[in-house]
PDB file of N, CA and C in Angstrom:
ATOM      1  N   UNK A   1     -11.618   0.629 -12.750  1.00  0.00           N
ATOM      2  CA  UNK A   1     -11.473  -0.281 -11.627  1.00  0.00           C
ATOM      3  C   UNK A   1     -11.668   0.517 -10.342  1.00  0.00           C
ATOM      4  N   UNK A   2     -12.493   0.000  -9.448  1.00  0.00           N
ATOM      5  CA  UNK A   2     -12.722   0.688  -8.174  1.00  0.00           C
ATOM      6  C   UNK A   2     -11.512   0.518  -7.265  1.00  0.00           C
ATOM      7  N   UNK A   3     -11.435   1.371  -6.261  1.00  0.00           N
ATOM      8  CA  UNK A   3     -10.337   1.294  -5.308  1.00  0.00           C
ATOM      9  C   UNK A   3     -10.321  -0.077  -4.633  1.00  0.00           C
ATOM     10  N   UNK A   4     -11.489  -0.558  -4.213  1.00  0.00           N
ATOM     11  CA  UNK A   4     -11.552  -1.865  -3.558  1.00  0.00           C
ATOM     12  C   UNK A   4     -11.127  -2.971  -4.513  1.00  0.00           C
ATOM     13  N   UNK A   5     -11.437  -2.845  -5.792  1.00  0.00           N
ATOM     14  CA  UNK A   5     -11.010  -3.849  -6.773  1.00  0.00           C
ATOM     15  C   UNK A   5      -9.487  -3.888  -6.876  1.00  0.00           C
ATOM     16  N   UNK A   6      -8.845  -2.722  -6.809  1.00  0.00           N
ATOM     17  CA  UNK A   6      -7.375  -2.697  -6.776  1.00  0.00           C
ATOM     18  C   UNK A   6      -6.864  -3.482  -5.578  1.00  0.00           C
ATOM     19  N   UNK A   7      -7.427  -3.222  -4.406  1.00  0.00           N
ATOM     20  CA  UNK A   7      -6.974  -3.909  -3.189  1.00  0.00           C
ATOM     21  C   UNK A   7      -7.224  -5.408  -3.281  1.00  0.00           C
ATOM     22  N   UNK A   8      -8.361  -5.795  -3.837  1.00  0.00           N
ATOM     23  CA  UNK A   8      -8.663  -7.217  -3.993  1.00  0.00           C
ATOM     24  C   UNK A   8      -7.661  -7.890  -4.921  1.00  0.00           C
ATOM     25  N   UNK A   9      -7.320  -7.231  -6.016  1.00  0.00           N
ATOM     26  CA  UNK A   9      -6.346  -7.775  -6.968  1.00  0.00           C
ATOM     27  C   UNK A   9      -4.969  -7.892  -6.324  1.00  0.00           C
ATOM     28  N   UNK A  10      -4.597  -6.904  -5.540  1.00  0.00           N
ATOM     29  CA  UNK A  10      -3.306  -6.940  -4.832  1.00  0.00           C
ATOM     30  C   UNK A  10      -3.269  -8.134  -3.890  1.00  0.00           C
ATOM     31  N   UNK A  11      -4.363  -8.368  -3.168  1.00  0.00           N
ATOM     32  CA  UNK A  11      -4.439  -9.507  -2.235  1.00  0.00           C
ATOM     33  C   UNK A  11      -4.282 -10.818  -2.990  1.00  0.00           C
ATOM     34  N   UNK A  12      -4.935 -10.942  -4.132  1.00  0.00           N
ATOM     35  CA  UNK A  12      -4.825 -12.160  -4.947  1.00  0.00           C
ATOM     36  C   UNK A  12      -3.390 -12.353  -5.426  1.00  0.00           C
ATOM     37  N   UNK A  13      -2.768 -11.276  -5.887  1.00  0.00           N
ATOM     38  CA  UNK A  13      -1.419 -11.355  -6.459  1.00  0.00           C
ATOM     39  C   UNK A  13      -0.341 -11.600  -5.405  1.00  0.00           C
ATOM     40  N   UNK A  14      -0.468 -10.935  -4.245  1.00  0.00           N
ATOM     41  CA  UNK A  14       0.602 -10.981  -3.241  1.00  0.00           C
ATOM     42  C   UNK A  14       0.279 -11.852  -2.033  1.00  0.00           C
ATOM     43  N   UNK A  15      -1.012 -12.127  -1.832  1.00  0.00           N
ATOM     44  CA  UNK A  15      -1.419 -12.842  -0.627  1.00  0.00           C
ATOM     45  C   UNK A  15      -1.492 -11.940   0.592  1.00  0.00           C
ATOM     46  N   UNK A  16      -1.332 -10.638   0.370  1.00  0.00           N
ATOM     47  CA  UNK A  16      -1.323  -9.683   1.475  1.00  0.00           C
ATOM     48  C   UNK A  16      -2.449  -8.663   1.315  1.00  0.00           C
ATOM     49  N   UNK A  17      -3.085  -8.379   2.440  1.00  0.00           N
ATOM     50  CA  UNK A  17      -4.155  -7.401   2.450  1.00  0.00           C
ATOM     51  C   UNK A  17      -3.689  -6.073   3.042  1.00  0.00           C
ATOM     52  N   UNK A  18      -4.600  -5.129   3.153  1.00  0.00           N
ATOM     53  CA  UNK A  18      -4.257  -3.801   3.665  1.00  0.00           C
ATOM     54  C   UNK A  18      -3.545  -3.803   5.020  1.00  0.00           C
ATOM     55  N   UNK A  19      -4.033  -4.600   5.962  1.00  0.00           N
ATOM     56  CA  UNK A  19      -3.397  -4.618   7.287  1.00  0.00           C
ATOM     57  C   UNK A  19      -1.962  -5.114   7.222  1.00  0.00           C
ATOM     58  N   UNK A  20      -1.714  -6.096   6.362  1.00  0.00           N
ATOM     59  CA  UNK A  20      -0.350  -6.615   6.220  1.00  0.00           C
ATOM     60  C   UNK A  20       0.567  -5.577   5.583  1.00  0.00           C
ATOM     61  N   UNK A  21       0.059  -4.826   4.601  1.00  0.00           N
ATOM     62  CA  UNK A  21       0.888  -3.772   4.006  1.00  0.00           C
ATOM     63  C   UNK A  21       1.140  -2.650   5.007  1.00  0.00           C
ATOM     64  N   UNK A  22       0.183  -2.384   5.870  1.00  0.00           N
ATOM     65  CA  UNK A  22       0.414  -1.378   6.921  1.00  0.00           C
ATOM     66  C   UNK A  22       1.546  -1.824   7.849  1.00  0.00           C
ATOM     67  N   UNK A  23       1.526  -3.091   8.242  1.00  0.00           N
ATOM     68  CA  UNK A  23       2.581  -3.624   9.113  1.00  0.00           C
ATOM     69  C   UNK A  23       3.935  -3.599   8.420  1.00  0.00           C
ATOM     70  N   UNK A  24       3.958  -4.020   7.158  1.00  0.00           N
ATOM     71  CA  UNK A  24       5.216  -4.025   6.405  1.00  0.00           C
ATOM     72  C   UNK A  24       5.770  -2.612   6.234  1.00  0.00           C
ATOM     73  N   UNK A  25       4.880  -1.650   5.990  1.00  0.00           N
ATOM     74  CA  UNK A  25       5.353  -0.271   5.806  1.00  0.00           C
ATOM     75  C   UNK A  25       5.931   0.280   7.100  1.00  0.00           C
ATOM     76  N   UNK A  26       5.393  -0.153   8.226  1.00  0.00           N
ATOM     77  CA  UNK A  26       5.940   0.250   9.533  1.00  0.00           C
ATOM     78  C   UNK A  26       7.337  -0.359   9.714  1.00  0.00           C
ATOM     79  N   UNK A  27       7.482  -1.637   9.355  1.00  0.00           N
ATOM     80  CA  UNK A  27       8.773  -2.310   9.456  1.00  0.00           C
ATOM     81  C   UNK A  27       9.814  -1.662   8.550  1.00  0.00           C
ATOM     82  N   UNK A  28       9.381  -1.194   7.392  1.00  0.00           N
ATOM     83  CA  UNK A  28      10.289  -0.545   6.439  1.00  0.00           C
ATOM     84  C   UNK A  28      10.631   0.878   6.853  1.00  0.00           C
ATOM     85  N   UNK A  29       9.884   1.427   7.822  1.00  0.00           N
ATOM     86  CA  UNK A  29      10.144   2.782   8.278  1.00  0.00           C
ATOM     87  C   UNK A  29       9.386   3.852   7.509  1.00  0.00           C
ATOM     88  N   UNK A  30       8.411   3.454   6.700  1.00  0.00           N
ATOM     89  CA  UNK A  30       7.620   4.422   5.946  1.00  0.00           C
ATOM     90  C   UNK A  30       6.510   5.041   6.796  1.00  0.00           C
ATOM     91  N   UNK A  31       6.036   4.281   7.774  1.00  0.00           N
ATOM     92  CA  UNK A  31       4.962   4.771   8.639  1.00  0.00           C
ATOM     93  C   UNK A  31       5.400   4.667  10.099  1.00  0.00           C
ATOM     94  N   UNK A  32       4.698   5.420  10.922  1.00  0.00           N
ATOM     95  CA  UNK A  32       4.915   5.353  12.364  1.00  0.00           C
ATOM     96  C   UNK A  32       3.555   5.509  13.019  1.00  0.00           C
ATOM     97  N   UNK A  33       3.221   4.578  13.907  1.00  0.00           N
ATOM     98  CA  UNK A  33       1.923   4.574  14.582  1.00  0.00           C
ATOM     99  C   UNK A  33       0.767   4.629  13.587  1.00  0.00           C
ATOM    100  N   UNK A  34       0.933   3.916  12.478  1.00  0.00           N
ATOM    101  CA  UNK A  34      -0.126   3.837  11.485  1.00  0.00           C
ATOM    102  C   UNK A  34      -0.242   5.025  10.555  1.00  0.00           C
ATOM    103  N   UNK A  35       0.644   5.994  10.678  1.00  0.00           N
ATOM    104  CA  UNK A  35       0.592   7.196   9.841  1.00  0.00           C
ATOM    105  C   UNK A  35       1.818   7.253   8.934  1.00  0.00           C
ATOM    106  N   UNK A  36       1.587   7.567   7.681  1.00  0.00           N
ATOM    107  CA  UNK A  36       2.689   7.743   6.747  1.00  0.00           C
ATOM    108  C   UNK A  36       3.523   8.938   7.189  1.00  0.00           C
ATOM    109  N   UNK A  37       4.817   8.749   7.280  1.00  0.00           N
ATOM    110  CA  UNK A  37       5.694   9.851   7.681  1.00  0.00           C
ATOM    111  C   UNK A  37       5.647  10.944   6.621  1.00  0.00           C
ATOM    112  N   UNK A  38       5.629  12.208   7.027  1.00  0.00           N
ATOM    113  CA  UNK A  38       5.531  13.319   6.069  1.00  0.00           C
ATOM    114  C   UNK A  38       6.652  13.336   5.029  1.00  0.00           C
ATOM    115  N   UNK A  39       7.801  12.815   5.390  1.00  0.00           N
ATOM    116  CA  UNK A  39       8.940  12.842   4.473  1.00  0.00           C
ATOM    117  C   UNK A  39       8.875  11.760   3.397  1.00  0.00           C
ATOM    118  N   UNK A  40       7.976  10.803   3.543  1.00  0.00           N
ATOM    119  CA  UNK A  40       7.884   9.692   2.591  1.00  0.00           C
ATOM    120  C   UNK A  40       7.060  10.117   1.375  1.00  0.00           C
ATOM    121  N   UNK A  41       7.647   9.958   0.227  1.00  0.00           N
ATOM    122  CA  UNK A  41       7.003  10.330  -1.040  1.00  0.00           C
ATOM    123  C   UNK A  41       6.409   9.096  -1.712  1.00  0.00           C
ATOM    124  N   UNK A  42       5.454   9.338  -2.568  1.00  0.00           N
ATOM    125  CA  UNK A  42       4.781   8.256  -3.291  1.00  0.00           C
ATOM    126  C   UNK A  42       5.781   7.382  -4.044  1.00  0.00           C
ATOM    127  N   UNK A  43       6.770   7.999  -4.651  1.00  0.00           N
ATOM    128  CA  UNK A  43       7.761   7.253  -5.430  1.00  0.00           C
ATOM    129  C   UNK A  43       8.497   6.208  -4.611  1.00  0.00           C
ATOM    130  N   UNK A  44       8.737   6.492  -3.343  1.00  0.00           N
ATOM    131  CA  UNK A  44       9.420   5.525  -2.479  1.00  0.00           C
ATOM    132  C   UNK A  44       8.550   4.292  -2.247  1.00  0.00           C
ATOM    133  N   UNK A  45       7.262   4.516  -2.029  1.00  0.00           N
ATOM    134  CA  UNK A  45       6.334   3.413  -1.809  1.00  0.00           C
ATOM    135  C   UNK A  45       6.187   2.601  -3.098  1.00  0.00           C
ATOM    136  N   UNK A  46       6.044   3.288  -4.212  1.00  0.00           N
ATOM    137  CA  UNK A  46       5.905   2.614  -5.510  1.00  0.00           C
ATOM    138  C   UNK A  46       7.136   1.756  -5.790  1.00  0.00           C
ATOM    139  N   UNK A  47       8.307   2.301  -5.579  1.00  0.00           N
ATOM    140  CA  UNK A  47       9.556   1.555  -5.825  1.00  0.00           C
ATOM    141  C   UNK A  47       9.608   0.299  -4.953  1.00  0.00           C
ATOM    142  N   UNK A  48       9.304   0.433  -3.672  1.00  0.00           N
ATOM    143  CA  UNK A  48       9.297  -0.705  -2.748  1.00  0.00           C
ATOM    144  C   UNK A  48       8.340  -1.795  -3.229  1.00  0.00           C
ATOM    145  N   UNK A  49       7.128  -1.403  -3.553  1.00  0.00           N
ATOM    146  CA  UNK A  49       6.114  -2.387  -3.942  1.00  0.00           C
ATOM    147  C   UNK A  49       6.415  -3.028  -5.292  1.00  0.00           C
ATOM    148  N   UNK A  50       7.011  -2.274  -6.203  1.00  0.00           N
ATOM    149  CA  UNK A  50       7.399  -2.844  -7.489  1.00  0.00           C
ATOM    150  C   UNK A  50       8.541  -3.837  -7.311  1.00  0.00           C
ATOM    151  N   UNK A  51       9.523  -3.480  -6.503  1.00  0.00           N
ATOM    152  CA  UNK A  51      10.681  -4.351  -6.305  1.00  0.00           C
ATOM    153  C   UNK A  51      10.342  -5.598  -5.487  1.00  0.00           C
ATOM    154  N   UNK A  52       9.607  -5.424  -4.394  1.00  0.00           N
ATOM    155  CA  UNK A  52       9.351  -6.536  -3.482  1.00  0.00           C
ATOM    156  C   UNK A  52       8.141  -7.385  -3.862  1.00  0.00           C
ATOM    157  N   UNK A  53       7.164  -6.802  -4.554  1.00  0.00           N
ATOM    158  CA  UNK A  53       5.926  -7.521  -4.832  1.00  0.00           C
ATOM    159  C   UNK A  53       5.542  -7.535  -6.312  1.00  0.00           C
ATOM    160  N   UNK A  54       6.365  -6.926  -7.150  1.00  0.00           N
ATOM    161  CA  UNK A  54       6.117  -6.883  -8.585  1.00  0.00           C
ATOM    162  C   UNK A  54       4.762  -6.256  -8.920  1.00  0.00           C
ATOM    163  N   UNK A  55       4.361  -5.261  -8.139  1.00  0.00           N
ATOM    164  CA  UNK A  55       3.115  -4.552  -8.405  1.00  0.00           C
ATOM    165  C   UNK A  55       3.356  -3.460  -9.437  1.00  0.00           C
ATOM    166  N   UNK A  56       2.358  -3.197 -10.235  1.00  0.00           N
ATOM    167  CA  UNK A  56       2.436  -2.118 -11.205  1.00  0.00           C
ATOM    168  C   UNK A  56       2.219  -0.770 -10.537  1.00  0.00           C
ATOM    169  N   UNK A  57       2.343   0.279 -11.311  1.00  0.00           N
ATOM    170  CA  UNK A  57       2.229   1.634 -10.788  1.00  0.00           C
ATOM    171  C   UNK A  57       0.856   1.900 -10.174  1.00  0.00           C
ATOM    172  N   UNK A  58      -0.214   1.513 -10.852  1.00  0.00           N
ATOM    173  CA  UNK A  58      -1.561   1.776 -10.340  1.00  0.00           C
ATOM    174  C   UNK A  58      -1.839   1.050  -9.035  1.00  0.00           C
ATOM    175  N   UNK A  59      -1.435  -0.202  -8.956  1.00  0.00           N
ATOM    176  CA  UNK A  59      -1.660  -0.968  -7.737  1.00  0.00           C
ATOM    177  C   UNK A  59      -0.778  -0.450  -6.596  1.00  0.00           C
ATOM    178  N   UNK A  60       0.426  -0.056  -6.921  1.00  0.00           N
ATOM    179  CA  UNK A  60       1.307   0.525  -5.899  1.00  0.00           C
ATOM    180  C   UNK A  60       0.741   1.842  -5.377  1.00  0.00           C
ATOM    181  N   UNK A  61       0.195   2.645  -6.274  1.00  0.00           N
ATOM    182  CA  UNK A  61      -0.408   3.913  -5.848  1.00  0.00           C
ATOM    183  C   UNK A  61      -1.650   3.673  -4.988  1.00  0.00           C
ATOM    184  N   UNK A  62      -2.349   2.587  -5.221  1.00  0.00           N
ATOM    185  CA  UNK A  62      -3.491   2.253  -4.367  1.00  0.00           C
ATOM    186  C   UNK A  62      -3.020   1.995  -2.936  1.00  0.00           C
ATOM    187  N   UNK A  63      -1.919   1.294  -2.779  1.00  0.00           N
ATOM    188  CA  UNK A  63      -1.375   1.056  -1.436  1.00  0.00           C
ATOM    189  C   UNK A  63      -0.891   2.370  -0.831  1.00  0.00           C
ATOM    190  N   UNK A  64      -0.235   3.204  -1.620  1.00  0.00           N
ATOM    191  CA  UNK A  64       0.195   4.512  -1.123  1.00  0.00           C
ATOM    192  C   UNK A  64      -1.017   5.316  -0.630  1.00  0.00           C
ATOM    193  N   UNK A  65      -2.075   5.317  -1.412  1.00  0.00           N
ATOM    194  CA  UNK A  65      -3.297   6.038  -1.056  1.00  0.00           C
ATOM    195  C   UNK A  65      -3.870   5.504   0.253  1.00  0.00           C
ATOM    196  N   UNK A  66      -3.820   4.204   0.417  1.00  0.00           N
ATOM    197  CA  UNK A  66      -4.275   3.568   1.647  1.00  0.00           C
ATOM    198  C   UNK A  66      -3.404   3.998   2.827  1.00  0.00           C
ATOM    199  N   UNK A  67      -2.085   3.931   2.656  1.00  0.00           N
ATOM    200  CA  UNK A  67      -1.165   4.291   3.737  1.00  0.00           C
ATOM    201  C   UNK A  67      -1.270   5.766   4.105  1.00  0.00           C
ATOM    202  N   UNK A  68      -1.521   6.588   3.118  1.00  0.00           N
ATOM    203  CA  UNK A  68      -1.634   8.024   3.363  1.00  0.00           C
ATOM    204  C   UNK A  68      -2.960   8.379   4.032  1.00  0.00           C
ATOM    205  N   UNK A  69      -3.911   7.458   3.985  1.00  0.00           N
ATOM    206  CA  UNK A  69      -5.200   7.697   4.625  1.00  0.00           C
ATOM    207  C   UNK A  69      -6.200   8.420   3.742  1.00  0.00           C
ATOM    208  N   UNK A  70      -5.895   8.522   2.450  1.00  0.00           N
ATOM    209  CA  UNK A  70      -6.793   9.204   1.517  1.00  0.00           C
ATOM    210  C   UNK A  70      -8.043   8.359   1.277  1.00  0.00           C
ATOM    211  N   UNK A  71      -7.844   7.053   1.150  1.00  0.00           N
ATOM    212  CA  UNK A  71      -8.958   6.122   0.930  1.00  0.00           C
ATOM    213  C   UNK A  71      -8.820   4.984   1.923  1.00  0.00           C
ATOM    214  N   UNK A  72      -9.932   4.317   2.180  1.00  0.00           N
ATOM    215  CA  UNK A  72      -9.945   3.148   3.064  1.00  0.00           C
ATOM    216  C   UNK A  72     -10.571   1.986   2.327  1.00  0.00           C
ATOM    217  N   UNK A  73     -10.185   0.781   2.743  1.00  0.00           N
ATOM    218  CA  UNK A  73     -10.795  -0.409   2.172  1.00  0.00           C
ATOM    219  C   UNK A  73     -12.239  -0.509   2.648  1.00  0.00           C
ATOM    220  N   UNK A  74     -13.070  -1.117   1.829  1.00  0.00           N
ATOM    221  CA  UNK A  74     -14.479  -1.240   2.196  1.00  0.00           C
ATOM    222  C   UNK A  74     -14.790  -2.605   2.797  1.00  0.00           C
ATOM    223  N   UNK A  75     -13.834  -3.492   2.758  1.00  0.00           N
ATOM    224  CA  UNK A  75     -13.989  -4.786   3.438  1.00  0.00           C
ATOM    225  C   UNK A  75     -12.617  -5.242   3.910  1.00  0.00           C
ATOM    226  N   UNK A  76     -12.612  -6.166   4.878  1.00  0.00           N
ATOM    227  CA  UNK A  76     -11.383  -6.596   5.521  1.00  0.00           C
ATOM    228  C   UNK A  76     -10.543  -7.541   4.787  1.00  0.00           C
TER     229      UNK A  76
END
C-alpha cells in the first residue's frame, strides 16, 4: 500500500484528512507551529489514534510520519 493510499483510507475511515490531523495534534499538544515536538514519540501518536479513531498500527504510523515531516501527502 502506498503512503497516499494509507492517507486516503484514513480519510474514508475517520472523515479526517492530513490538515485536520495536523490541527488535532496541535490541540493535543503533540505539535507546535506545525512541527512535531522532539519529546513526542511514535508510540504516543499511535496510542492517541488507536484510542480516538480506532486506527491500526500501520495507519497510525502513517499519520506519525506525516506529522514528523518524513513524508507528505500527494493530494489535498
